[in-house]
């Protein structure tokens, strides 16, 4: 048993994925009860012509490896949830499979830039673990889509929750995580190790 695991406590790894600039790093940081690990680097001229920055107005950094945080849910059964956020730019997609190893569920973050959501959604479906689509509404965009419009546009099955949230708000993020956690199968007594 890990040194910080209590008897009866489940350890659960959750993947947080999505396109560039959708709020994955913000989501992890909003709820993490530990100082989150961030692997961000400044955007440079080297990415011009390689990285698609449309819709990410004012973004000056990008995740280059992984974001990591942890949140504990005390409700029975008590659960430590380890959040692993993927980099969003296509040139980093080759890392997703390694980051996802051992994940019991996935949060696919979307901001309404629907075309940028397809790679993450396809990846989540191929993992064959429960997932939710979290529509981040932290941007003031008059063209914002409702969760039902996102479900239809992305052709998301009705059993998959599609939830509007704000990645900056810990309560809002916790609602998304709770929706995912309630759909997870019961882990083994030792839980899933990240």
N, C-alpha and C. Protein backbone atom coordinates (compact mmCIF):
# COMPACT_ATOMS: atom_id res chain seq x y z
N UNK A 1 0.85 -1.17 0.00
CA UNK A 1 0.00 0.00 0.00
C UNK A 1 0.90 1.24 0.00
N UNK A 2 0.63 2.22 -0.90
CA UNK A 2 1.42 3.44 -0.90
C UNK A 2 1.38 4.12 0.47
N UNK A 3 2.45 4.82 0.83
CA UNK A 3 2.57 5.40 2.16
C UNK A 3 1.47 6.38 2.51
N UNK A 4 0.85 7.03 1.51
CA UNK A 4 -0.21 8.00 1.83
C UNK A 4 -1.61 7.47 1.55
N UNK A 5 -1.73 6.17 1.28
CA UNK A 5 -3.04 5.57 1.05
C UNK A 5 -3.59 5.04 2.36
N UNK A 6 -4.83 5.38 2.65
CA UNK A 6 -5.49 4.91 3.86
C UNK A 6 -6.25 3.62 3.56
N UNK A 7 -6.46 2.78 4.57
CA UNK A 7 -7.21 1.54 4.34
C UNK A 7 -8.59 1.86 3.75
N UNK A 8 -8.96 1.13 2.72
CA UNK A 8 -10.26 1.32 2.07
C UNK A 8 -10.30 2.46 1.08
N UNK A 9 -9.23 3.21 0.95
CA UNK A 9 -9.20 4.34 0.02
C UNK A 9 -8.82 3.86 -1.37
N UNK A 10 -9.55 4.35 -2.37
CA UNK A 10 -9.26 3.99 -3.75
C UNK A 10 -8.31 5.00 -4.35
N UNK A 11 -7.39 4.53 -5.18
CA UNK A 11 -6.51 5.39 -5.94
C UNK A 11 -6.94 5.30 -7.40
N UNK A 12 -7.26 6.44 -8.00
CA UNK A 12 -7.83 6.46 -9.34
C UNK A 12 -7.05 7.43 -10.21
N UNK A 13 -6.63 6.97 -11.37
CA UNK A 13 -5.96 7.82 -12.35
C UNK A 13 -6.97 8.27 -13.40
N UNK A 14 -7.04 9.58 -13.62
CA UNK A 14 -7.93 10.17 -14.62
C UNK A 14 -7.08 10.95 -15.62
N UNK A 15 -7.35 10.73 -16.89
CA UNK A 15 -6.69 11.46 -17.96
C UNK A 15 -7.51 12.70 -18.29
N UNK A 16 -6.84 13.84 -18.47
CA UNK A 16 -7.49 15.08 -18.90
C UNK A 16 -6.88 15.42 -20.25
N UNK A 17 -7.69 15.39 -21.29
CA UNK A 17 -7.15 15.59 -22.64
C UNK A 17 -8.03 16.54 -23.43
N UNK A 18 -7.50 17.01 -24.53
CA UNK A 18 -8.23 17.93 -25.39
C UNK A 18 -7.26 18.70 -26.25
N UNK A 19 -7.78 19.57 -27.08
CA UNK A 19 -6.96 20.35 -27.99
C UNK A 19 -6.16 21.42 -27.29
N UNK A 20 -5.41 22.17 -28.07
CA UNK A 20 -4.56 23.23 -27.57
C UNK A 20 -5.40 24.37 -27.00
N UNK A 21 -5.06 24.82 -25.80
CA UNK A 21 -5.69 26.00 -25.23
C UNK A 21 -7.11 25.84 -24.75
N UNK A 22 -7.54 24.61 -24.43
CA UNK A 22 -8.92 24.41 -24.00
C UNK A 22 -9.11 24.52 -22.49
N UNK A 23 -8.01 24.54 -21.71
CA UNK A 23 -8.13 24.70 -20.27
C UNK A 23 -7.74 23.49 -19.45
N UNK A 24 -6.98 22.57 -20.01
CA UNK A 24 -6.58 21.37 -19.27
C UNK A 24 -5.69 21.71 -18.07
N UNK A 25 -4.69 22.55 -18.30
CA UNK A 25 -3.79 22.96 -17.22
C UNK A 25 -4.56 23.72 -16.15
N UNK A 26 -5.47 24.58 -16.58
CA UNK A 26 -6.29 25.35 -15.65
C UNK A 26 -7.18 24.43 -14.83
N UNK A 27 -7.79 23.43 -15.47
CA UNK A 27 -8.64 22.46 -14.77
C UNK A 27 -7.86 21.75 -13.67
N UNK A 28 -6.70 21.22 -14.01
CA UNK A 28 -5.89 20.48 -13.03
C UNK A 28 -5.52 21.40 -11.87
N UNK A 29 -5.08 22.61 -12.19
CA UNK A 29 -4.67 23.54 -11.14
C UNK A 29 -5.80 24.01 -10.26
N UNK A 30 -7.01 24.10 -10.82
CA UNK A 30 -8.16 24.61 -10.05
C UNK A 30 -8.54 23.69 -8.90
N UNK A 31 -8.37 22.39 -9.06
CA UNK A 31 -8.83 21.46 -8.01
C UNK A 31 -7.71 20.76 -7.25
N UNK A 32 -6.48 20.88 -7.71
CA UNK A 32 -5.41 20.11 -7.09
C UNK A 32 -5.15 20.58 -5.66
N UNK A 33 -5.15 19.62 -4.74
CA UNK A 33 -4.87 19.93 -3.34
C UNK A 33 -3.37 19.93 -3.05
N UNK A 34 -2.59 19.58 -4.03
CA UNK A 34 -1.14 19.70 -3.95
C UNK A 34 -0.71 20.72 -4.99
N UNK A 35 0.49 21.23 -4.88
CA UNK A 35 0.99 22.13 -5.91
C UNK A 35 1.07 21.33 -7.21
N UNK A 36 0.31 21.74 -8.24
CA UNK A 36 0.31 20.94 -9.46
C UNK A 36 1.65 20.99 -10.18
N UNK A 37 1.99 19.89 -10.79
CA UNK A 37 3.16 19.83 -11.66
C UNK A 37 2.72 20.34 -13.03
N UNK A 38 3.46 21.29 -13.55
CA UNK A 38 3.17 21.84 -14.87
C UNK A 38 4.45 21.80 -15.69
N UNK A 39 4.32 21.40 -16.93
CA UNK A 39 5.48 21.39 -17.83
C UNK A 39 5.20 22.36 -18.98
N UNK A 40 5.06 23.61 -18.64
CA UNK A 40 4.74 24.61 -19.64
C UNK A 40 5.99 25.31 -20.14
N UNK A 41 5.94 25.66 -21.40
CA UNK A 41 7.01 26.44 -22.02
C UNK A 41 6.37 27.57 -22.81
N UNK A 42 7.11 28.64 -22.98
CA UNK A 42 6.60 29.77 -23.74
C UNK A 42 6.46 29.43 -25.22
N UNK A 43 5.43 29.98 -25.83
CA UNK A 43 5.27 29.83 -27.27
C UNK A 43 6.35 30.66 -27.95
N UNK A 44 6.95 30.10 -28.96
CA UNK A 44 8.04 30.79 -29.65
C UNK A 44 7.78 30.82 -31.15
N UNK A 45 8.63 31.53 -31.85
CA UNK A 45 8.53 31.61 -33.31
C UNK A 45 8.74 30.25 -33.96
N UNK A 46 9.38 29.32 -33.26
CA UNK A 46 9.62 27.99 -33.83
C UNK A 46 8.32 27.25 -34.12
N UNK A 47 7.26 27.60 -33.39
CA UNK A 47 5.98 26.93 -33.60
C UNK A 47 5.15 27.52 -34.73
N UNK A 48 5.55 28.65 -35.25
CA UNK A 48 4.80 29.30 -36.33
C UNK A 48 4.79 28.37 -37.55
N UNK A 49 3.62 28.12 -38.06
CA UNK A 49 3.47 27.23 -39.20
C UNK A 49 3.30 25.77 -38.80
N UNK A 50 3.62 25.45 -37.54
CA UNK A 50 3.46 24.08 -37.04
C UNK A 50 2.24 23.98 -36.13
N UNK A 51 2.12 24.94 -35.22
CA UNK A 51 1.04 24.92 -34.24
C UNK A 51 -0.13 25.76 -34.68
N UNK A 52 -1.32 25.23 -34.50
CA UNK A 52 -2.55 25.93 -34.83
C UNK A 52 -3.01 26.69 -33.58
N UNK A 53 -2.97 28.02 -33.64
CA UNK A 53 -3.29 28.84 -32.48
C UNK A 53 -4.66 29.50 -32.58
N UNK A 54 -5.41 29.20 -33.62
CA UNK A 54 -6.72 29.81 -33.81
C UNK A 54 -7.60 29.55 -32.60
N UNK A 55 -8.20 30.62 -32.09
CA UNK A 55 -9.12 30.49 -30.97
C UNK A 55 -8.45 30.54 -29.61
N UNK A 56 -7.14 30.58 -29.56
CA UNK A 56 -6.42 30.63 -28.28
C UNK A 56 -5.82 32.01 -28.10
N UNK A 57 -6.68 33.01 -28.14
CA UNK A 57 -6.25 34.40 -28.06
C UNK A 57 -5.58 34.67 -26.71
N UNK A 58 -4.41 35.29 -26.75
CA UNK A 58 -3.71 35.66 -25.53
C UNK A 58 -2.92 34.54 -24.89
N UNK A 59 -2.92 33.35 -25.47
CA UNK A 59 -2.18 32.22 -24.90
C UNK A 59 -0.70 32.41 -25.20
N UNK A 60 0.13 32.32 -24.15
CA UNK A 60 1.56 32.56 -24.31
C UNK A 60 2.40 31.33 -23.96
N UNK A 61 1.78 30.30 -23.37
CA UNK A 61 2.51 29.09 -22.99
C UNK A 61 1.77 27.86 -23.47
N UNK A 62 2.48 26.74 -23.46
CA UNK A 62 1.86 25.48 -23.83
C UNK A 62 2.46 24.36 -22.98
N UNK A 63 1.65 23.34 -22.70
CA UNK A 63 2.14 22.18 -21.98
C UNK A 63 2.97 21.34 -22.95
N UNK A 64 4.17 20.97 -22.52
CA UNK A 64 5.06 20.22 -23.40
C UNK A 64 5.20 18.75 -23.00
N UNK A 65 4.70 18.37 -21.84
CA UNK A 65 4.79 16.96 -21.42
C UNK A 65 3.51 16.55 -20.71
N UNK A 66 3.32 16.99 -19.48
CA UNK A 66 2.16 16.55 -18.70
C UNK A 66 1.87 17.55 -17.60
N UNK A 67 0.60 17.65 -17.24
CA UNK A 67 0.18 18.35 -16.02
C UNK A 67 -0.21 17.27 -15.03
N UNK A 68 0.03 17.50 -13.75
CA UNK A 68 -0.32 16.50 -12.74
C UNK A 68 -0.85 17.20 -11.50
N UNK A 69 -1.94 16.67 -10.98
CA UNK A 69 -2.52 17.16 -9.74
C UNK A 69 -3.27 16.05 -9.04
N UNK A 70 -3.75 16.36 -7.84
CA UNK A 70 -4.48 15.34 -7.06
C UNK A 70 -5.62 16.01 -6.31
N UNK A 71 -6.73 15.31 -6.26
CA UNK A 71 -7.88 15.74 -5.46
C UNK A 71 -8.41 14.52 -4.72
N UNK A 72 -8.84 14.73 -3.48
CA UNK A 72 -9.40 13.64 -2.68
C UNK A 72 -10.90 13.87 -2.55
N UNK A 73 -11.67 12.82 -2.82
CA UNK A 73 -13.10 12.83 -2.60
C UNK A 73 -13.38 11.98 -1.36
N UNK A 74 -13.92 12.56 -0.29
CA UNK A 74 -14.11 11.82 0.95
C UNK A 74 -15.32 10.90 0.95
N UNK A 75 -16.26 11.10 0.01
CA UNK A 75 -17.48 10.29 0.01
C UNK A 75 -17.15 8.82 -0.10
N UNK A 76 -17.94 8.01 0.59
CA UNK A 76 -17.66 6.56 0.51
C UNK A 76 -17.82 6.06 -0.92
N UNK A 77 -16.87 5.31 -1.38
CA UNK A 77 -15.60 5.05 -0.73
C UNK A 77 -14.67 6.26 -0.90
N UNK A 78 -13.81 6.54 0.10
CA UNK A 78 -12.86 7.64 -0.08
C UNK A 78 -11.95 7.35 -1.27
N UNK A 79 -11.63 8.41 -2.00
CA UNK A 79 -10.91 8.22 -3.26
C UNK A 79 -9.91 9.34 -3.48
N UNK A 80 -8.67 8.96 -3.78
CA UNK A 80 -7.67 9.92 -4.24
C UNK A 80 -7.65 9.84 -5.75
N UNK A 81 -7.90 10.97 -6.39
CA UNK A 81 -7.95 11.03 -7.84
C UNK A 81 -6.71 11.77 -8.33
N UNK A 82 -5.93 11.08 -9.15
CA UNK A 82 -4.72 11.64 -9.73
C UNK A 82 -5.05 12.09 -11.15
N UNK A 83 -4.84 13.36 -11.43
CA UNK A 83 -5.18 13.95 -12.72
C UNK A 83 -3.92 14.10 -13.56
N UNK A 84 -3.96 13.56 -14.75
CA UNK A 84 -2.85 13.65 -15.70
C UNK A 84 -3.33 14.37 -16.94
N UNK A 85 -2.85 15.59 -17.17
CA UNK A 85 -3.26 16.37 -18.32
C UNK A 85 -2.27 16.23 -19.46
N UNK A 86 -2.80 16.02 -20.65
CA UNK A 86 -1.96 15.85 -21.84
C UNK A 86 -1.65 17.19 -22.49
N UNK A 87 -0.58 17.26 -23.26
CA UNK A 87 -0.36 18.45 -24.09
C UNK A 87 -1.38 18.44 -25.24
N UNK A 88 -1.79 19.62 -25.67
CA UNK A 88 -2.86 19.67 -26.67
C UNK A 88 -2.42 19.78 -28.11
N UNK A 89 -1.21 20.27 -28.35
CA UNK A 89 -0.80 20.50 -29.73
C UNK A 89 -0.55 19.18 -30.45
N UNK A 90 -0.96 19.07 -31.72
CA UNK A 90 -0.80 17.81 -32.45
C UNK A 90 0.61 17.23 -32.43
N UNK A 91 1.62 18.07 -32.40
CA UNK A 91 2.99 17.53 -32.41
C UNK A 91 3.32 16.74 -31.14
N UNK A 92 2.51 16.89 -30.09
CA UNK A 92 2.72 16.15 -28.85
C UNK A 92 1.77 14.97 -28.68
N UNK A 93 0.89 14.73 -29.63
CA UNK A 93 -0.10 13.66 -29.49
C UNK A 93 0.53 12.28 -29.32
N UNK A 94 1.74 12.09 -29.81
CA UNK A 94 2.38 10.78 -29.69
C UNK A 94 2.62 10.40 -28.22
N UNK A 95 2.58 11.38 -27.33
CA UNK A 95 2.79 11.11 -25.90
C UNK A 95 1.53 10.65 -25.18
N UNK A 96 0.38 10.86 -25.79
CA UNK A 96 -0.89 10.61 -25.10
C UNK A 96 -1.02 9.18 -24.59
N UNK A 97 -0.64 8.20 -25.39
CA UNK A 97 -0.81 6.80 -25.00
C UNK A 97 -0.02 6.49 -23.72
N UNK A 98 1.20 6.99 -23.63
CA UNK A 98 2.01 6.74 -22.43
C UNK A 98 1.41 7.43 -21.22
N UNK A 99 0.94 8.66 -21.38
CA UNK A 99 0.34 9.38 -20.26
C UNK A 99 -0.95 8.69 -19.82
N UNK A 100 -1.69 8.10 -20.75
CA UNK A 100 -2.97 7.48 -20.45
C UNK A 100 -2.85 6.12 -19.78
N UNK A 101 -1.67 5.51 -19.83
CA UNK A 101 -1.51 4.15 -19.28
C UNK A 101 -2.03 4.07 -17.85
N UNK A 102 -2.95 3.16 -17.62
CA UNK A 102 -3.51 2.93 -16.29
C UNK A 102 -4.68 3.82 -15.92
N UNK A 103 -5.08 4.72 -16.81
CA UNK A 103 -6.21 5.61 -16.50
C UNK A 103 -7.51 4.81 -16.48
N UNK A 104 -8.36 5.12 -15.50
CA UNK A 104 -9.67 4.47 -15.39
C UNK A 104 -10.77 5.28 -16.06
N UNK A 105 -10.48 6.53 -16.40
CA UNK A 105 -11.47 7.38 -17.04
C UNK A 105 -10.78 8.59 -17.66
N UNK A 106 -11.55 9.30 -18.48
CA UNK A 106 -10.99 10.44 -19.23
C UNK A 106 -11.97 11.60 -19.22
N UNK A 107 -11.41 12.80 -19.04
CA UNK A 107 -12.16 14.03 -19.25
C UNK A 107 -11.65 14.62 -20.56
N UNK A 108 -12.54 14.77 -21.53
CA UNK A 108 -12.21 15.41 -22.80
C UNK A 108 -12.69 16.85 -22.69
N UNK A 109 -11.74 17.79 -22.71
CA UNK A 109 -12.08 19.20 -22.55
C UNK A 109 -12.24 19.84 -23.92
N UNK A 110 -13.30 20.63 -24.05
CA UNK A 110 -13.64 21.28 -25.30
C UNK A 110 -14.01 22.73 -25.00
N UNK A 111 -13.71 23.63 -25.89
CA UNK A 111 -14.12 25.03 -25.71
C UNK A 111 -15.07 25.50 -26.81
N UNK A 112 -15.56 24.60 -27.59
CA UNK A 112 -16.43 25.01 -28.68
C UNK A 112 -15.70 25.09 -30.01
N UNK A 113 -14.37 24.93 -29.99
CA UNK A 113 -13.63 24.80 -31.25
C UNK A 113 -13.73 23.33 -31.62
N UNK A 114 -14.88 22.98 -32.16
CA UNK A 114 -15.25 21.57 -32.30
C UNK A 114 -14.27 20.75 -33.12
N UNK A 115 -13.74 21.30 -34.19
CA UNK A 115 -12.82 20.54 -35.03
C UNK A 115 -11.58 20.12 -34.24
N UNK A 116 -11.16 20.93 -33.28
CA UNK A 116 -9.98 20.61 -32.47
C UNK A 116 -10.28 19.52 -31.44
N UNK A 117 -11.55 19.20 -31.25
CA UNK A 117 -11.94 18.21 -30.24
C UNK A 117 -11.91 16.78 -30.76
N UNK A 118 -11.97 16.60 -32.06
CA UNK A 118 -12.07 15.24 -32.61
C UNK A 118 -10.90 14.34 -32.25
N UNK A 119 -9.63 14.79 -32.34
CA UNK A 119 -8.53 13.87 -31.97
C UNK A 119 -8.63 13.38 -30.53
N UNK A 120 -8.96 14.27 -29.60
CA UNK A 120 -9.07 13.87 -28.19
C UNK A 120 -10.26 12.94 -27.98
N UNK A 121 -11.36 13.22 -28.64
CA UNK A 121 -12.54 12.38 -28.51
C UNK A 121 -12.28 10.99 -29.10
N UNK A 122 -11.65 10.93 -30.26
CA UNK A 122 -11.29 9.64 -30.85
C UNK A 122 -10.37 8.86 -29.92
N UNK A 123 -9.40 9.55 -29.34
CA UNK A 123 -8.46 8.90 -28.43
C UNK A 123 -9.19 8.35 -27.20
N UNK A 124 -10.09 9.14 -26.63
CA UNK A 124 -10.85 8.70 -25.45
C UNK A 124 -11.68 7.46 -25.78
N UNK A 125 -12.30 7.43 -26.95
CA UNK A 125 -13.11 6.27 -27.33
C UNK A 125 -12.24 5.03 -27.49
N UNK A 126 -11.04 5.17 -28.04
CA UNK A 126 -10.15 4.03 -28.24
C UNK A 126 -9.60 3.48 -26.93
N UNK A 127 -9.54 4.31 -25.89
CA UNK A 127 -9.06 3.83 -24.59
C UNK A 127 -10.02 2.83 -23.94
N UNK A 128 -11.28 2.90 -24.35
CA UNK A 128 -12.31 1.99 -23.83
C UNK A 128 -12.46 2.08 -22.32
N UNK A 129 -12.40 3.31 -21.82
CA UNK A 129 -12.71 3.59 -20.42
C UNK A 129 -13.80 4.66 -20.42
N UNK A 130 -14.56 4.78 -19.33
CA UNK A 130 -15.59 5.83 -19.30
C UNK A 130 -14.97 7.21 -19.51
N UNK A 131 -15.71 8.08 -20.16
CA UNK A 131 -15.25 9.45 -20.33
C UNK A 131 -16.42 10.41 -20.31
N UNK A 132 -16.10 11.67 -20.04
CA UNK A 132 -17.07 12.76 -20.12
C UNK A 132 -16.49 13.81 -21.05
N UNK A 133 -17.37 14.57 -21.68
CA UNK A 133 -16.96 15.72 -22.47
C UNK A 133 -17.30 16.96 -21.64
N UNK A 134 -16.29 17.74 -21.32
CA UNK A 134 -16.44 18.93 -20.49
C UNK A 134 -16.30 20.16 -21.36
N UNK A 135 -17.38 20.91 -21.52
CA UNK A 135 -17.41 22.09 -22.38
C UNK A 135 -17.01 23.30 -21.54
N UNK A 136 -15.79 23.75 -21.73
CA UNK A 136 -15.25 24.84 -20.93
C UNK A 136 -15.81 26.17 -21.39
N UNK A 137 -16.49 26.85 -20.49
CA UNK A 137 -17.12 28.12 -20.82
C UNK A 137 -16.39 29.30 -20.20
N UNK A 138 -15.08 29.19 -20.04
CA UNK A 138 -14.35 30.29 -19.42
C UNK A 138 -14.05 31.42 -20.38
N UNK A 139 -14.27 31.20 -21.64
CA UNK A 139 -14.07 32.27 -22.62
C UNK A 139 -15.39 32.97 -22.89
N UNK A 140 -15.35 34.28 -23.01
CA UNK A 140 -16.56 35.03 -23.35
C UNK A 140 -16.72 35.03 -24.86
N UNK A 141 -17.37 34.00 -25.35
CA UNK A 141 -17.53 33.84 -26.79
C UNK A 141 -19.02 33.85 -27.12
N UNK A 142 -19.47 34.82 -27.89
CA UNK A 142 -20.90 34.87 -28.22
C UNK A 142 -21.35 33.68 -29.06
N UNK A 143 -20.41 32.92 -29.64
CA UNK A 143 -20.77 31.76 -30.44
C UNK A 143 -20.71 30.47 -29.62
N UNK A 144 -20.81 30.59 -28.32
CA UNK A 144 -20.71 29.44 -27.43
C UNK A 144 -21.80 28.41 -27.75
N UNK A 145 -21.40 27.14 -27.73
CA UNK A 145 -22.34 26.06 -28.00
C UNK A 145 -22.86 25.49 -26.69
N UNK A 146 -24.09 25.05 -26.71
CA UNK A 146 -24.66 24.38 -25.54
C UNK A 146 -24.13 22.94 -25.51
N UNK A 147 -24.20 22.28 -24.34
CA UNK A 147 -23.78 20.87 -24.30
C UNK A 147 -24.53 20.00 -25.32
N UNK A 148 -25.81 20.26 -25.54
CA UNK A 148 -26.56 19.47 -26.52
C UNK A 148 -26.04 19.71 -27.94
N UNK A 149 -25.68 20.95 -28.26
CA UNK A 149 -25.12 21.24 -29.58
C UNK A 149 -23.76 20.57 -29.74
N UNK A 150 -22.96 20.56 -28.68
CA UNK A 150 -21.65 19.89 -28.73
C UNK A 150 -21.84 18.40 -28.91
N UNK A 151 -22.78 17.81 -28.17
CA UNK A 151 -23.06 16.37 -28.30
C UNK A 151 -23.41 16.02 -29.75
N UNK A 152 -24.29 16.83 -30.34
CA UNK A 152 -24.72 16.56 -31.72
C UNK A 152 -23.57 16.75 -32.71
N UNK A 153 -22.82 17.84 -32.56
CA UNK A 153 -21.74 18.14 -33.51
C UNK A 153 -20.63 17.11 -33.45
N UNK A 154 -20.33 16.61 -32.24
CA UNK A 154 -19.26 15.62 -32.08
C UNK A 154 -19.77 14.20 -32.18
N UNK A 155 -21.09 14.04 -32.32
CA UNK A 155 -21.71 12.72 -32.41
C UNK A 155 -21.35 11.86 -31.19
N UNK A 156 -21.54 12.46 -30.01
CA UNK A 156 -21.25 11.78 -28.75
C UNK A 156 -22.48 10.97 -28.33
N UNK A 157 -22.27 9.71 -27.97
CA UNK A 157 -23.34 8.82 -27.55
C UNK A 157 -24.08 9.39 -26.34
N UNK A 158 -25.37 9.14 -26.28
CA UNK A 158 -26.19 9.71 -25.19
C UNK A 158 -25.78 9.24 -23.80
N UNK A 159 -25.08 8.11 -23.68
CA UNK A 159 -24.67 7.64 -22.35
C UNK A 159 -23.46 8.41 -21.81
N UNK A 160 -22.79 9.18 -22.69
CA UNK A 160 -21.61 9.95 -22.29
C UNK A 160 -22.06 11.32 -21.80
N UNK A 161 -21.74 11.68 -20.56
CA UNK A 161 -22.12 13.02 -20.08
C UNK A 161 -21.39 14.11 -20.85
N UNK A 162 -22.12 15.15 -21.23
CA UNK A 162 -21.55 16.35 -21.83
C UNK A 162 -21.96 17.49 -20.90
N UNK A 163 -20.98 18.11 -20.25
CA UNK A 163 -21.24 19.02 -19.16
C UNK A 163 -20.57 20.36 -19.40
N UNK A 164 -21.33 21.44 -19.24
CA UNK A 164 -20.75 22.78 -19.29
C UNK A 164 -20.08 23.06 -17.95
N UNK A 165 -18.89 23.67 -17.99
CA UNK A 165 -18.19 23.98 -16.74
C UNK A 165 -17.24 25.14 -16.98
N UNK A 166 -16.62 25.62 -15.88
CA UNK A 166 -15.61 26.67 -15.95
C UNK A 166 -14.34 26.10 -15.34
N UNK A 167 -13.29 25.96 -16.15
CA UNK A 167 -12.05 25.33 -15.70
C UNK A 167 -11.35 26.10 -14.59
N UNK A 168 -11.70 27.35 -14.38
CA UNK A 168 -11.09 28.16 -13.33
C UNK A 168 -11.74 27.94 -11.97
N UNK A 169 -12.92 27.34 -11.96
CA UNK A 169 -13.74 27.21 -10.75
C UNK A 169 -13.65 25.79 -10.20
N UNK A 170 -13.08 25.65 -9.01
CA UNK A 170 -12.88 24.33 -8.41
C UNK A 170 -14.19 23.55 -8.26
N UNK A 171 -15.25 24.21 -7.86
CA UNK A 171 -16.54 23.50 -7.71
C UNK A 171 -17.06 22.99 -9.05
N UNK A 172 -16.90 23.81 -10.06
CA UNK A 172 -17.35 23.43 -11.40
C UNK A 172 -16.55 22.23 -11.90
N UNK A 173 -15.23 22.26 -11.70
CA UNK A 173 -14.38 21.14 -12.11
C UNK A 173 -14.74 19.89 -11.31
N UNK A 174 -14.97 20.04 -10.01
CA UNK A 174 -15.33 18.89 -9.18
C UNK A 174 -16.63 18.24 -9.66
N UNK A 175 -17.56 19.04 -10.17
CA UNK A 175 -18.81 18.49 -10.72
C UNK A 175 -18.52 17.60 -11.92
N UNK A 176 -17.60 18.04 -12.78
CA UNK A 176 -17.22 17.23 -13.95
C UNK A 176 -16.58 15.92 -13.49
N UNK A 177 -15.63 16.03 -12.56
CA UNK A 177 -14.94 14.83 -12.07
C UNK A 177 -15.90 13.87 -11.39
N UNK A 178 -16.84 14.41 -10.62
CA UNK A 178 -17.82 13.55 -9.95
C UNK A 178 -18.68 12.80 -10.96
N UNK A 179 -19.07 13.48 -12.04
CA UNK A 179 -19.87 12.82 -13.09
C UNK A 179 -19.09 11.66 -13.70
N UNK A 180 -17.80 11.83 -13.87
CA UNK A 180 -16.98 10.75 -14.41
C UNK A 180 -16.80 9.63 -13.39
N UNK A 181 -16.46 9.98 -12.18
CA UNK A 181 -16.18 8.99 -11.14
C UNK A 181 -17.37 8.09 -10.88
N UNK A 182 -18.58 8.64 -10.91
CA UNK A 182 -19.77 7.82 -10.66
C UNK A 182 -20.01 6.80 -11.76
N UNK A 183 -19.36 6.97 -12.92
CA UNK A 183 -19.54 6.01 -14.01
C UNK A 183 -18.42 4.97 -14.06
N UNK A 184 -17.44 5.08 -13.17
CA UNK A 184 -16.31 4.14 -13.19
C UNK A 184 -16.69 2.82 -12.53
N UNK A 185 -16.13 1.73 -13.04
CA UNK A 185 -16.32 0.46 -12.35
C UNK A 185 -15.54 0.48 -11.04
N UNK A 186 -15.96 -0.30 -10.09
CA UNK A 186 -15.25 -0.37 -8.81
C UNK A 186 -13.85 -0.89 -9.05
N UNK A 187 -12.82 -0.15 -8.58
CA UNK A 187 -11.45 -0.64 -8.76
C UNK A 187 -11.16 -1.80 -7.82
N UNK A 188 -10.04 -2.44 -8.09
CA UNK A 188 -9.60 -3.51 -7.21
C UNK A 188 -9.34 -2.92 -5.83
N UNK A 189 -9.23 -3.75 -4.79
CA UNK A 189 -9.04 -3.21 -3.45
C UNK A 189 -7.86 -2.27 -3.32
N UNK A 190 -6.82 -2.46 -4.10
CA UNK A 190 -5.67 -1.57 -4.02
C UNK A 190 -5.82 -0.35 -4.89
N UNK A 191 -6.85 -0.34 -5.76
CA UNK A 191 -7.08 0.81 -6.62
C UNK A 191 -6.18 0.81 -7.83
N UNK A 192 -6.28 1.85 -8.59
CA UNK A 192 -5.45 2.00 -9.78
C UNK A 192 -4.29 2.92 -9.42
N UNK A 193 -3.11 2.49 -9.69
CA UNK A 193 -1.95 3.32 -9.38
C UNK A 193 -1.58 4.16 -10.58
N UNK A 194 -1.37 5.44 -10.37
CA UNK A 194 -0.94 6.30 -11.47
C UNK A 194 0.50 6.02 -11.84
